[in-house]
Amino acid sequence: MNQVRYYRKYPRTHSKQSEQNEHNDAPTIDLSIAQAAGILVLTFATGMLSGCLLKRFR
């Protein structure tokens, strides 16, 4: 192969944004699996407790 061919079938129509612009547009929260599981358990327990209290007073 003497000639290097262009490897894309279609040309790029836009360029990638830098990482700084992506972080400023939409804030995200980084959680570990343990933190996410803790939030899930806390939400489930709160729901169960409020459900039992509503059932008693109904």
C-alpha atoms as a PDB file:
ATOM      1  CA  MET A   1       0.000   0.000   0.000  1.00  0.00           C
ATOM      2  CA  ASN A   2       1.787   3.054  -1.203  1.00  0.00           C
ATOM      3  CA  GLN A   3      -1.066   5.429  -0.540  1.00  0.00           C
ATOM      4  CA  VAL A   4      -2.667   5.978   2.846  1.00  0.00           C
ATOM      5  CA  ARG A   5      -6.420   6.146   2.391  1.00  0.00           C
ATOM      6  CA  TYR A   6      -8.826   8.108   4.520  1.00  0.00           C
ATOM      7  CA  TYR A   7     -10.213   5.583   7.020  1.00  0.00           C
ATOM      8  CA  ARG A   8     -13.658   7.155   7.565  1.00  0.00           C
ATOM      9  CA  LYS A   9     -16.538   6.401   5.270  1.00  0.00           C
ATOM     10  CA  TYR A  10     -18.209   9.738   6.062  1.00  0.00           C
ATOM     11  CA  PRO A  11     -16.422  12.913   7.142  1.00  0.00           C
ATOM     12  CA  ARG A  12     -16.833  14.275  10.662  1.00  0.00           C
ATOM     13  CA  THR A  13     -19.525  16.928  10.883  1.00  0.00           C
ATOM     14  CA  HIS A  14     -18.676  18.247  14.342  1.00  0.00           C
ATOM     15  CA  SER A  15     -15.714  18.230  16.687  1.00  0.00           C
ATOM     16  CA  LYS A  16     -15.661  16.855  20.227  1.00  0.00           C
ATOM     17  CA  GLN A  17     -16.280  19.221  23.115  1.00  0.00           C
ATOM     18  CA  SER A  18     -13.654  19.631  25.768  1.00  0.00           C
ATOM     19  CA  GLU A  19     -14.242  17.997  29.165  1.00  0.00           C
ATOM     20  CA  GLN A  20     -14.514  21.354  30.926  1.00  0.00           C
ATOM     21  CA  ASN A  21     -17.524  22.348  28.838  1.00  0.00           C
ATOM     22  CA  GLU A  22     -19.262  19.038  29.524  1.00  0.00           C
ATOM     23  CA  HIS A  23     -18.893  19.397  33.287  1.00  0.00           C
ATOM     24  CA  ASN A  24     -20.253  22.926  33.303  1.00  0.00           C
ATOM     25  CA  ASP A  25     -23.386  22.048  31.332  1.00  0.00           C
ATOM     26  CA  ALA A  26     -24.863  19.341  33.564  1.00  0.00           C
ATOM     27  CA  PRO A  27     -23.665  18.751  37.106  1.00  0.00           C
ATOM     28  CA  THR A  28     -23.352  15.089  38.063  1.00  0.00           C
ATOM     29  CA  ILE A  29     -23.001  13.285  41.381  1.00  0.00           C
ATOM     30  CA  ASP A  30     -20.401  10.549  41.655  1.00  0.00           C
ATOM     31  CA  LEU A  31     -21.514   7.787  44.041  1.00  0.00           C
ATOM     32  CA  SER A  32     -19.923   4.511  44.916  1.00  0.00           C
ATOM     33  CA  ILE A  33     -21.967   1.321  44.886  1.00  0.00           C
ATOM     34  CA  ALA A  34     -22.042   1.262  48.696  1.00  0.00           C
ATOM     35  CA  GLN A  35     -23.388   4.821  48.867  1.00  0.00           C
ATOM     36  CA  ALA A  36     -26.057   4.090  46.255  1.00  0.00           C
ATOM     37  CA  ALA A  37     -27.093   0.919  48.121  1.00  0.00           C
ATOM     38  CA  GLY A  38     -27.262   2.877  51.379  1.00  0.00           C
ATOM     39  CA  ILE A  39     -29.553   5.476  49.824  1.00  0.00           C
ATOM     40  CA  LEU A  40     -31.726   2.701  48.384  1.00  0.00           C
ATOM     41  CA  VAL A  41     -32.025   0.938  51.772  1.00  0.00           C
ATOM     42  CA  LEU A  42     -32.784   4.208  53.555  1.00  0.00           C
ATOM     43  CA  THR A  43     -35.494   5.081  51.028  1.00  0.00           C
ATOM     44  CA  PHE A  44     -37.005   1.589  51.277  1.00  0.00           C
ATOM     45  CA  ALA A  45     -37.021   1.670  55.095  1.00  0.00           C
ATOM     46  CA  THR A  46     -38.597   5.142  55.135  1.00  0.00           C
ATOM     47  CA  GLY A  47     -41.295   3.949  52.735  1.00  0.00           C
ATOM     48  CA  MET A  48     -42.034   0.877  54.827  1.00  0.00           C
ATOM     49  CA  LEU A  49     -42.244   2.926  58.020  1.00  0.00           C
ATOM     50  CA  SER A  50     -44.512   5.552  56.506  1.00  0.00           C
ATOM     51  CA  GLY A  51     -46.686   2.806  54.979  1.00  0.00           C
ATOM     52  CA  CYS A  52     -47.111   1.100  58.342  1.00  0.00           C
ATOM     53  CA  LEU A  53     -47.957   4.394  60.048  1.00  0.00           C
ATOM     54  CA  LEU A  54     -50.519   5.282  57.389  1.00  0.00           C
ATOM     55  CA  LYS A  55     -52.081   1.821  57.694  1.00  0.00           C
ATOM     56  CA  ARG A  56     -52.447   2.197  61.478  1.00  0.00           C
ATOM     57  CA  PHE A  57     -54.078   5.589  61.356  1.00  0.00           C
ATOM     58  CA  ARG A  58     -56.403   4.715  58.503  1.00  0.00           C
END
